[in-house]
Amino acid sequence: MFSSLSEQFKGFNAREFLSQIVSLAFVLCSALIIWKSLSIYTNCQSPIVVVLTGSMEPAFYRGDILFLSLSSDPVHIGDIVVYKLEGKEIPIVHRVIRLHNTHNQTNLFEGKEDENVKILTKGDHNPHDDRYGIYNPGLQWLNRGHIVGRVKSILPYVGMVTIIMNDYPSVKYVVVGVLILLVLTNKE
């Protein structure tokens, strides 16, 4: 296998090699363009996330891919949102269980929302709401600025590939290396 691979590299001239590098750059740029287009279309910085824990079972399982969007519609009890806390790298996927308006209770019942609406979340599989151990110390309610997006659709278990590559970094390097070799040695 490696001898035939080395023979393919020996047969490359500079022009072919440069062509393969341009092809690799094209693939990477295409992926970036698709990601940015999805971000613009969904109004969401991260339009796709992978579920990393079992806190939302049975609604979502570890490894499920979630597709998000961020609209200006009011948040409702029962919505499944992805939120990000200051100082924490990984966003969290949980269900809205309570809403609180610090100034005007009537807005919540009329379907309107303003900047005073506070949000409380909980994982379906968790015994307590997120104030106990998930929110930053002193944070009792989320505000709209914490919300990254709302779950719109799901692709079950496909995200396990991402989880495996993060749990075992050597697998990530092997997969990336093999993909680069495939692009560079493709003569079409």
Protein backbone atom coordinates (compact mmCIF):
# COMPACT_ATOMS: atom_id res chain seq x y z
CA MET A 1 0.00 0.00 0.00
CA PHE A 2 2.69 2.49 1.03
CA SER A 3 4.90 1.57 -1.93
CA SER A 4 2.11 2.33 -4.40
CA LEU A 5 1.42 5.57 -2.53
CA SER A 6 5.05 6.61 -2.76
CA GLU A 7 5.05 5.74 -6.48
CA GLN A 8 2.06 8.04 -6.98
CA PHE A 9 3.93 10.90 -5.29
CA LYS A 10 7.05 10.21 -7.41
CA GLY A 11 4.93 10.47 -10.55
CA PHE A 12 3.70 13.94 -9.59
CA ASN A 13 5.20 16.91 -11.28
CA ALA A 14 4.99 20.37 -9.73
CA ARG A 15 1.95 21.35 -11.79
CA GLU A 16 -0.06 18.27 -10.74
CA PHE A 17 0.88 18.78 -7.11
CA LEU A 18 -0.15 22.44 -7.23
CA SER A 19 -3.43 21.41 -8.86
CA GLN A 20 -4.11 18.99 -6.00
CA ILE A 21 -3.33 21.69 -3.40
CA VAL A 22 -5.77 24.03 -5.15
CA SER A 23 -8.39 21.25 -5.11
CA LEU A 24 -7.87 20.78 -1.37
CA ALA A 25 -8.19 24.53 -0.80
CA PHE A 26 -11.37 24.53 -2.90
CA VAL A 27 -12.89 21.77 -0.75
CA LEU A 28 -12.03 23.65 2.46
CA CYS A 29 -13.38 26.96 1.11
CA SER A 30 -16.58 25.24 -0.05
CA ALA A 31 -17.14 23.85 3.44
CA LEU A 32 -16.60 27.30 4.95
CA ILE A 33 -19.01 28.90 2.46
CA ILE A 34 -21.68 26.29 3.23
CA TRP A 35 -21.23 26.86 6.99
CA LYS A 36 -21.44 30.65 6.66
CA SER A 37 -24.47 30.40 4.35
CA LEU A 38 -26.24 28.22 6.92
CA SER A 39 -25.33 30.74 9.62
CA ILE A 40 -26.85 33.59 7.63
CA TYR A 41 -29.95 31.60 6.64
CA THR A 42 -30.68 30.48 10.23
CA ASN A 43 -29.50 33.73 11.88
CA CYS A 44 -27.43 31.51 14.14
CA GLN A 45 -23.65 31.52 14.75
CA SER A 46 -23.66 27.75 15.21
CA PRO A 47 -26.48 26.34 13.08
CA ILE A 48 -25.44 22.74 13.77
CA VAL A 49 -24.52 21.25 17.16
CA VAL A 50 -23.83 17.75 18.46
CA VAL A 51 -25.45 16.47 21.66
CA LEU A 52 -22.58 15.52 23.99
CA THR A 53 -24.46 14.15 27.03
CA GLY A 54 -27.60 12.23 27.92
CA SER A 55 -29.23 15.11 29.82
CA MET A 56 -32.02 15.47 27.23
CA GLU A 57 -32.95 11.79 26.88
CA PRO A 58 -35.36 10.55 25.59
CA ALA A 59 -35.82 13.63 23.35
CA PHE A 60 -32.19 13.58 22.17
CA TYR A 61 -29.38 11.09 22.68
CA ARG A 62 -25.65 11.50 22.81
CA GLY A 63 -24.33 11.86 19.27
CA ASP A 64 -27.49 13.33 17.75
CA ILE A 65 -26.94 16.30 15.44
CA LEU A 66 -29.29 19.24 16.02
CA PHE A 67 -30.11 21.91 13.46
CA LEU A 68 -30.79 25.31 15.00
CA SER A 69 -32.26 28.65 14.06
CA LEU A 70 -32.51 31.90 15.97
CA SER A 71 -35.66 33.87 15.25
CA SER A 72 -37.05 36.95 16.95
CA ASP A 73 -40.18 35.01 17.98
CA PRO A 74 -40.83 34.90 21.73
CA VAL A 75 -39.41 31.97 23.68
CA HIS A 76 -42.14 29.65 24.99
CA ILE A 77 -42.23 27.11 27.78
CA GLY A 78 -41.40 23.76 26.20
CA ASP A 79 -39.03 25.18 23.56
CA ILE A 80 -35.72 23.36 23.37
CA VAL A 81 -32.94 25.94 23.23
CA VAL A 82 -29.18 25.92 23.00
CA TYR A 83 -27.54 28.44 25.30
CA LYS A 84 -24.00 29.52 26.04
CA LEU A 85 -22.74 30.75 29.39
CA GLU A 86 -19.91 33.21 29.90
CA GLY A 87 -16.65 31.40 30.63
CA LYS A 88 -17.92 28.03 29.39
CA GLU A 89 -16.76 26.78 26.03
CA ILE A 90 -19.50 24.25 25.24
CA PRO A 91 -23.11 25.32 24.61
CA ILE A 92 -25.90 23.45 26.43
CA VAL A 93 -29.11 21.99 24.95
CA HIS A 94 -32.04 22.08 27.41
CA ARG A 95 -35.79 22.72 27.56
CA VAL A 96 -37.38 25.99 28.73
CA ILE A 97 -39.42 25.18 31.85
CA ARG A 98 -40.27 28.65 33.19
CA LEU A 99 -40.42 32.25 32.01
CA HIS A 100 -40.36 35.31 34.23
CA ASN A 101 -40.85 38.95 33.30
CA THR A 102 -39.35 41.28 35.88
CA HIS A 103 -41.47 44.28 34.81
CA ASN A 104 -44.63 43.26 32.97
CA GLN A 105 -46.30 39.89 33.56
CA THR A 106 -48.98 40.52 30.91
CA ASN A 107 -46.48 40.37 28.04
CA LEU A 108 -45.83 36.68 28.72
CA PHE A 109 -49.48 35.82 28.29
CA GLU A 110 -50.00 37.95 25.18
CA GLY A 111 -47.19 36.18 23.32
CA LYS A 112 -45.01 39.29 23.35
CA GLU A 113 -41.47 39.37 24.57
CA ASP A 114 -39.17 42.12 25.71
CA GLU A 115 -35.69 42.38 27.18
CA ASN A 116 -37.06 41.80 30.70
CA VAL A 117 -38.07 38.18 30.06
CA LYS A 118 -35.96 35.71 32.03
CA ILE A 119 -35.67 32.05 31.08
CA LEU A 120 -35.19 28.94 33.24
CA THR A 121 -34.07 25.69 31.61
CA LYS A 122 -33.70 22.03 32.57
CA GLY A 123 -32.47 18.86 30.91
CA ASP A 124 -35.33 16.37 30.49
CA HIS A 125 -33.25 13.62 32.13
CA ASN A 126 -31.91 15.84 34.95
CA PRO A 127 -33.55 15.83 38.42
CA HIS A 128 -33.19 19.61 38.96
CA ASP A 129 -33.34 22.77 36.88
CA ASP A 130 -30.12 24.31 35.57
CA ARG A 131 -29.69 26.73 38.49
CA TYR A 132 -28.29 23.75 40.41
CA GLY A 133 -24.86 23.08 38.98
CA ILE A 134 -25.04 24.27 35.38
CA TYR A 135 -25.59 28.05 35.45
CA ASN A 136 -22.65 30.16 36.57
CA PRO A 137 -22.61 30.99 40.31
CA GLY A 138 -25.10 33.76 41.06
CA LEU A 139 -26.99 33.31 37.77
CA GLN A 140 -30.62 32.38 38.47
CA TRP A 141 -32.19 33.07 35.05
CA LEU A 142 -31.01 33.22 31.46
CA ASN A 143 -31.80 36.19 29.26
CA ARG A 144 -32.32 36.28 25.50
CA GLY A 145 -28.62 37.06 24.98
CA HIS A 146 -27.62 33.64 26.31
CA ILE A 147 -29.69 31.82 23.67
CA VAL A 148 -27.66 30.55 20.69
CA GLY A 149 -30.62 29.00 18.88
CA ARG A 150 -33.72 26.84 19.03
CA VAL A 151 -33.77 23.23 17.89
CA LYS A 152 -35.61 22.87 14.58
CA SER A 153 -34.66 19.35 13.45
CA ILE A 154 -32.52 16.36 14.37
CA LEU A 155 -30.26 13.82 12.68
CA PRO A 156 -29.88 10.87 15.09
CA TYR A 157 -26.45 9.48 16.06
CA VAL A 158 -24.48 10.94 13.12
CA GLY A 159 -22.57 13.20 15.52
CA MET A 160 -20.90 10.19 17.16
CA VAL A 161 -18.12 10.62 14.60
CA THR A 162 -17.35 14.05 16.09
CA ILE A 163 -17.52 12.72 19.65
CA ILE A 164 -15.13 9.85 18.85
CA MET A 165 -12.66 12.22 17.18
CA ASN A 166 -12.75 14.54 20.22
CA ASP A 167 -12.48 11.70 22.74
CA TYR A 168 -9.61 10.06 20.83
CA PRO A 169 -7.48 12.79 19.18
CA SER A 170 -5.31 10.22 17.38
CA VAL A 171 -8.39 9.10 15.41
CA LYS A 172 -8.94 12.71 14.34
CA TYR A 173 -5.39 13.02 13.00
CA VAL A 174 -5.61 9.70 11.15
CA VAL A 175 -8.95 10.62 9.53
CA VAL A 176 -7.75 14.10 8.52
CA GLY A 177 -4.46 12.66 7.22
CA VAL A 178 -6.23 10.01 5.14
CA LEU A 179 -8.62 12.59 3.68
CA ILE A 180 -5.73 14.88 2.73
CA LEU A 181 -3.87 11.96 1.13
CA LEU A 182 -6.98 11.00 -0.84
CA VAL A 183 -7.37 14.54 -2.18
CA LEU A 184 -3.67 14.87 -3.01
CA THR A 185 -3.37 11.49 -4.74
CA ASN A 186 -6.58 11.76 -6.75
CA LYS A 187 -5.51 12.26 -10.37
CA GLU A 188 -8.93 13.14 -11.78
